[in-house]
């Protein structure tokens, strides 16, 4: 069975209130969980091609 932890990727991801989230990802991957990355953007009119790019 696989376990996953969300790995929140944000442009400005190094603020104090983000540290607990980063710590959870660090600890979970240390015990074998896999990261499930996702990205949040504030760009409301982002082109569809840019959203689907990997």
Protein backbone atom coordinates (compact mmCIF):
# COMPACT_ATOMS: atom_id res chain seq x y z
CA UNK A 1 0.00 0.00 0.00
CA UNK A 2 1.28 3.47 -0.87
CA UNK A 3 0.90 6.52 1.31
CA UNK A 4 0.93 10.02 -0.12
CA UNK A 5 1.49 13.46 1.33
CA UNK A 6 0.59 16.67 -0.50
CA UNK A 7 3.69 18.67 -1.35
CA UNK A 8 2.42 22.21 -1.71
CA UNK A 9 4.54 24.19 -4.16
CA UNK A 10 4.16 27.93 -4.12
CA UNK A 11 6.25 30.76 -5.49
CA UNK A 12 6.76 32.35 -2.06
CA UNK A 13 6.93 29.13 -0.02
CA UNK A 14 9.44 30.23 2.62
CA UNK A 15 7.30 32.13 5.08
CA UNK A 16 7.04 31.21 8.77
CA UNK A 17 3.48 29.89 8.54
CA UNK A 18 4.53 27.45 5.77
CA UNK A 19 7.17 25.75 7.94
CA UNK A 20 4.76 23.27 9.59
CA UNK A 21 3.53 22.16 6.15
CA UNK A 22 7.11 21.66 4.96
CA UNK A 23 7.94 19.77 8.17
CA UNK A 24 5.04 17.34 7.62
CA UNK A 25 6.28 16.62 4.08
CA UNK A 26 9.84 16.14 5.36
CA UNK A 27 8.82 13.74 8.13
CA UNK A 28 6.36 11.80 5.95
CA UNK A 29 8.93 11.22 3.20
CA UNK A 30 11.46 10.17 5.83
CA UNK A 31 9.19 7.26 6.81
CA UNK A 32 8.53 6.24 3.22
CA UNK A 33 5.53 8.26 2.11
CA UNK A 34 5.58 9.60 -1.45
CA UNK A 35 5.14 13.25 -2.38
CA UNK A 36 2.12 14.30 -4.40
CA UNK A 37 3.13 17.74 -5.66
CA UNK A 38 0.60 20.41 -6.52
CA UNK A 39 0.96 24.05 -7.45
CA UNK A 40 -1.27 26.99 -6.60
CA UNK A 41 -1.12 30.19 -8.57
CA UNK A 42 -2.88 33.52 -8.19
CA UNK A 43 -2.85 34.13 -11.94
CA UNK A 44 -6.59 34.30 -12.65
CA UNK A 45 -6.31 34.55 -16.44
CA UNK A 46 -3.54 31.99 -16.92
CA UNK A 47 -3.60 30.41 -20.41
CA UNK A 48 -4.85 26.82 -20.63
CA UNK A 49 -1.58 25.71 -22.29
CA UNK A 50 0.40 26.99 -19.34
CA UNK A 51 -1.84 25.21 -16.83
CA UNK A 52 -1.51 21.84 -18.62
CA UNK A 53 2.27 22.10 -19.13
CA UNK A 54 4.25 19.67 -17.02
